[in-house]
Amino acid sequence: MKAILEFNLPEDKENFDLANNGLNYYSALFEFDQWLRSEYKYNNKEEMYEVRRKLNKIINENNITI
């Protein structure tokens, strides 16, 4: 199966950039989630637990899997 995305550039440049940078957005979310986890688990920063919980709630509400 193939999927082809087409954009009319330059009019659709913003949408093209969003689609083209999806892996970067995913990587940033994943890295931030892991940093929050480490701060909570290894550095005893209890407040990071709630921040991570909120981040994961937002991620889930937007149907994103990390």
N, C-alpha and C. Protein backbone atom coordinates (compact mmCIF):
# COMPACT_ATOMS: atom_id res chain seq x y z
N MET A 1 0.85 -1.17 0.00
CA MET A 1 0.00 0.00 0.00
C MET A 1 0.89 1.24 0.00
N LYS A 2 0.46 2.25 -0.73
CA LYS A 2 1.18 3.51 -0.79
C LYS A 2 0.25 4.64 -0.40
N ALA A 3 0.82 5.66 0.16
CA ALA A 3 0.07 6.88 0.46
C ALA A 3 0.87 8.05 -0.09
N ILE A 4 0.21 8.90 -0.82
CA ILE A 4 0.86 10.06 -1.41
C ILE A 4 0.16 11.31 -0.92
N LEU A 5 0.95 12.20 -0.37
CA LEU A 5 0.44 13.50 0.06
C LEU A 5 0.85 14.53 -0.98
N GLU A 6 -0.10 15.34 -1.38
CA GLU A 6 0.21 16.39 -2.35
C GLU A 6 -0.09 17.74 -1.75
N PHE A 7 0.80 18.67 -2.03
CA PHE A 7 0.65 20.04 -1.54
C PHE A 7 0.86 21.00 -2.70
N ASN A 8 0.07 22.05 -2.72
CA ASN A 8 0.26 23.11 -3.70
C ASN A 8 1.14 24.17 -3.06
N LEU A 9 2.42 24.11 -3.42
CA LEU A 9 3.37 25.06 -2.86
C LEU A 9 3.44 26.29 -3.75
N PRO A 10 3.57 27.43 -3.24
CA PRO A 10 3.87 27.80 -1.85
C PRO A 10 2.64 27.99 -0.98
N GLU A 11 1.42 27.89 -1.55
CA GLU A 11 0.21 28.15 -0.75
C GLU A 11 0.09 27.23 0.46
N ASP A 12 0.45 25.98 0.30
CA ASP A 12 0.29 24.98 1.37
C ASP A 12 1.59 24.72 2.13
N LYS A 13 2.50 25.67 2.10
CA LYS A 13 3.81 25.44 2.74
C LYS A 13 3.68 25.11 4.22
N GLU A 14 2.78 25.77 4.93
CA GLU A 14 2.62 25.49 6.37
C GLU A 14 2.19 24.05 6.60
N ASN A 15 1.21 23.58 5.85
CA ASN A 15 0.76 22.19 5.98
C ASN A 15 1.84 21.21 5.54
N PHE A 16 2.58 21.56 4.50
CA PHE A 16 3.70 20.73 4.06
C PHE A 16 4.74 20.60 5.16
N ASP A 17 5.09 21.72 5.78
CA ASP A 17 6.09 21.70 6.86
C ASP A 17 5.61 20.84 8.04
N LEU A 18 4.33 20.95 8.39
CA LEU A 18 3.79 20.13 9.48
C LEU A 18 3.90 18.64 9.15
N ALA A 19 3.52 18.27 7.94
CA ALA A 19 3.59 16.86 7.54
C ALA A 19 5.03 16.39 7.43
N ASN A 20 5.88 17.23 6.92
CA ASN A 20 7.27 16.86 6.69
C ASN A 20 8.06 16.73 7.99
N ASN A 21 7.66 17.45 9.03
CA ASN A 21 8.38 17.44 10.29
C ASN A 21 7.75 16.55 11.36
N GLY A 22 6.84 15.69 10.97
CA GLY A 22 6.15 14.83 11.92
C GLY A 22 7.09 14.01 12.80
N LEU A 23 8.13 13.45 12.22
CA LEU A 23 9.08 12.66 12.99
C LEU A 23 9.80 13.52 14.03
N ASN A 24 10.11 14.75 13.67
CA ASN A 24 10.76 15.67 14.63
C ASN A 24 9.83 15.97 15.80
N TYR A 25 8.54 16.20 15.51
CA TYR A 25 7.58 16.47 16.58
C TYR A 25 7.44 15.26 17.49
N TYR A 26 7.36 14.09 16.89
CA TYR A 26 7.28 12.85 17.67
C TYR A 26 8.50 12.69 18.57
N SER A 27 9.68 12.90 18.00
CA SER A 27 10.91 12.74 18.76
C SER A 27 10.98 13.72 19.93
N ALA A 28 10.55 14.95 19.71
CA ALA A 28 10.57 15.95 20.77
C ALA A 28 9.62 15.57 21.90
N LEU A 29 8.41 15.12 21.55
CA LEU A 29 7.46 14.68 22.58
C LEU A 29 8.00 13.50 23.37
N PHE A 30 8.57 12.54 22.66
CA PHE A 30 9.11 11.36 23.32
C PHE A 30 10.26 11.73 24.26
N GLU A 31 11.17 12.58 23.78
CA GLU A 31 12.31 12.98 24.60
C GLU A 31 11.86 13.76 25.84
N PHE A 32 10.89 14.64 25.68
CA PHE A 32 10.38 15.39 26.82
C PHE A 32 9.71 14.47 27.83
N ASP A 33 8.91 13.52 27.34
CA ASP A 33 8.26 12.56 28.23
C ASP A 33 9.29 11.76 29.02
N GLN A 34 10.35 11.33 28.35
CA GLN A 34 11.38 10.55 29.03
C GLN A 34 12.16 11.39 30.04
N TRP A 35 12.39 12.65 29.72
CA TRP A 35 13.06 13.54 30.66
C TRP A 35 12.21 13.73 31.91
N LEU A 36 10.90 13.96 31.73
CA LEU A 36 10.00 14.09 32.87
C LEU A 36 10.03 12.83 33.73
N ARG A 37 10.01 11.69 33.09
CA ARG A 37 10.06 10.41 33.81
C ARG A 37 11.33 10.30 34.64
N SER A 38 12.47 10.63 34.03
CA SER A 38 13.74 10.56 34.74
C SER A 38 13.80 11.52 35.92
N GLU A 39 13.31 12.73 35.72
CA GLU A 39 13.33 13.71 36.80
C GLU A 39 12.50 13.22 37.99
N TYR A 40 11.37 12.61 37.70
CA TYR A 40 10.51 12.08 38.76
C TYR A 40 11.14 10.86 39.42
N LYS A 41 11.57 9.92 38.59
CA LYS A 41 12.02 8.62 39.11
C LYS A 41 13.39 8.68 39.78
N TYR A 42 14.33 9.38 39.17
CA TYR A 42 15.70 9.33 39.66
C TYR A 42 16.13 10.55 40.46
N ASN A 43 15.44 11.68 40.29
CA ASN A 43 15.83 12.90 40.99
C ASN A 43 14.80 13.33 42.03
N ASN A 44 13.82 12.46 42.25
CA ASN A 44 12.80 12.70 43.29
C ASN A 44 12.09 14.04 43.15
N LYS A 45 11.85 14.45 41.93
CA LYS A 45 11.11 15.69 41.69
C LYS A 45 9.64 15.35 41.51
N GLU A 46 8.93 15.32 42.61
CA GLU A 46 7.53 14.89 42.63
C GLU A 46 6.64 15.70 41.68
N GLU A 47 6.92 16.98 41.52
CA GLU A 47 6.08 17.83 40.66
C GLU A 47 6.11 17.38 39.20
N MET A 48 7.16 16.69 38.80
CA MET A 48 7.26 16.23 37.42
C MET A 48 6.24 15.14 37.11
N TYR A 49 5.79 14.44 38.13
CA TYR A 49 4.78 13.40 37.93
C TYR A 49 3.51 14.01 37.35
N GLU A 50 3.05 15.11 37.92
CA GLU A 50 1.83 15.76 37.44
C GLU A 50 2.02 16.37 36.06
N VAL A 51 3.20 16.91 35.81
CA VAL A 51 3.49 17.48 34.49
C VAL A 51 3.45 16.38 33.44
N ARG A 52 4.07 15.24 33.75
CA ARG A 52 4.08 14.12 32.81
C ARG A 52 2.67 13.57 32.60
N ARG A 53 1.91 13.52 33.68
CA ARG A 53 0.53 13.05 33.55
C ARG A 53 -0.29 13.95 32.64
N LYS A 54 -0.11 15.26 32.78
CA LYS A 54 -0.81 16.23 31.92
C LYS A 54 -0.35 16.10 30.47
N LEU A 55 0.95 15.97 30.26
CA LEU A 55 1.47 15.78 28.90
C LEU A 55 0.86 14.55 28.26
N ASN A 56 0.82 13.45 28.99
CA ASN A 56 0.26 12.22 28.43
C ASN A 56 -1.24 12.32 28.19
N LYS A 57 -1.93 13.09 29.01
CA LYS A 57 -3.36 13.32 28.78
C LYS A 57 -3.57 14.07 27.47
N ILE A 58 -2.78 15.10 27.25
CA ILE A 58 -2.87 15.89 26.01
C ILE A 58 -2.52 15.02 24.81
N ILE A 59 -1.47 14.21 24.94
CA ILE A 59 -1.06 13.32 23.86
C ILE A 59 -2.20 12.35 23.52
N ASN A 60 -2.79 11.75 24.53
CA ASN A 60 -3.88 10.79 24.31
C ASN A 60 -5.11 11.45 23.70
N GLU A 61 -5.45 12.66 24.14
CA GLU A 61 -6.60 13.37 23.60
C GLU A 61 -6.43 13.70 22.13
N ASN A 62 -5.20 13.77 21.67
CA ASN A 62 -4.92 14.07 20.27
C ASN A 62 -4.58 12.82 19.47
N ASN A 63 -4.89 11.65 20.05
CA ASN A 63 -4.70 10.35 19.38
C ASN A 63 -3.27 10.15 18.90
N ILE A 64 -2.32 10.50 19.76
CA ILE A 64 -0.91 10.32 19.44
C ILE A 64 -0.39 9.21 20.33
N THR A 65 0.44 8.35 19.75
CA THR A 65 1.09 7.27 20.49
C THR A 65 2.58 7.52 20.49
N ILE A 66 3.16 7.56 21.68
CA ILE A 66 4.62 7.70 21.73
C ILE A 66 5.22 6.50 22.44
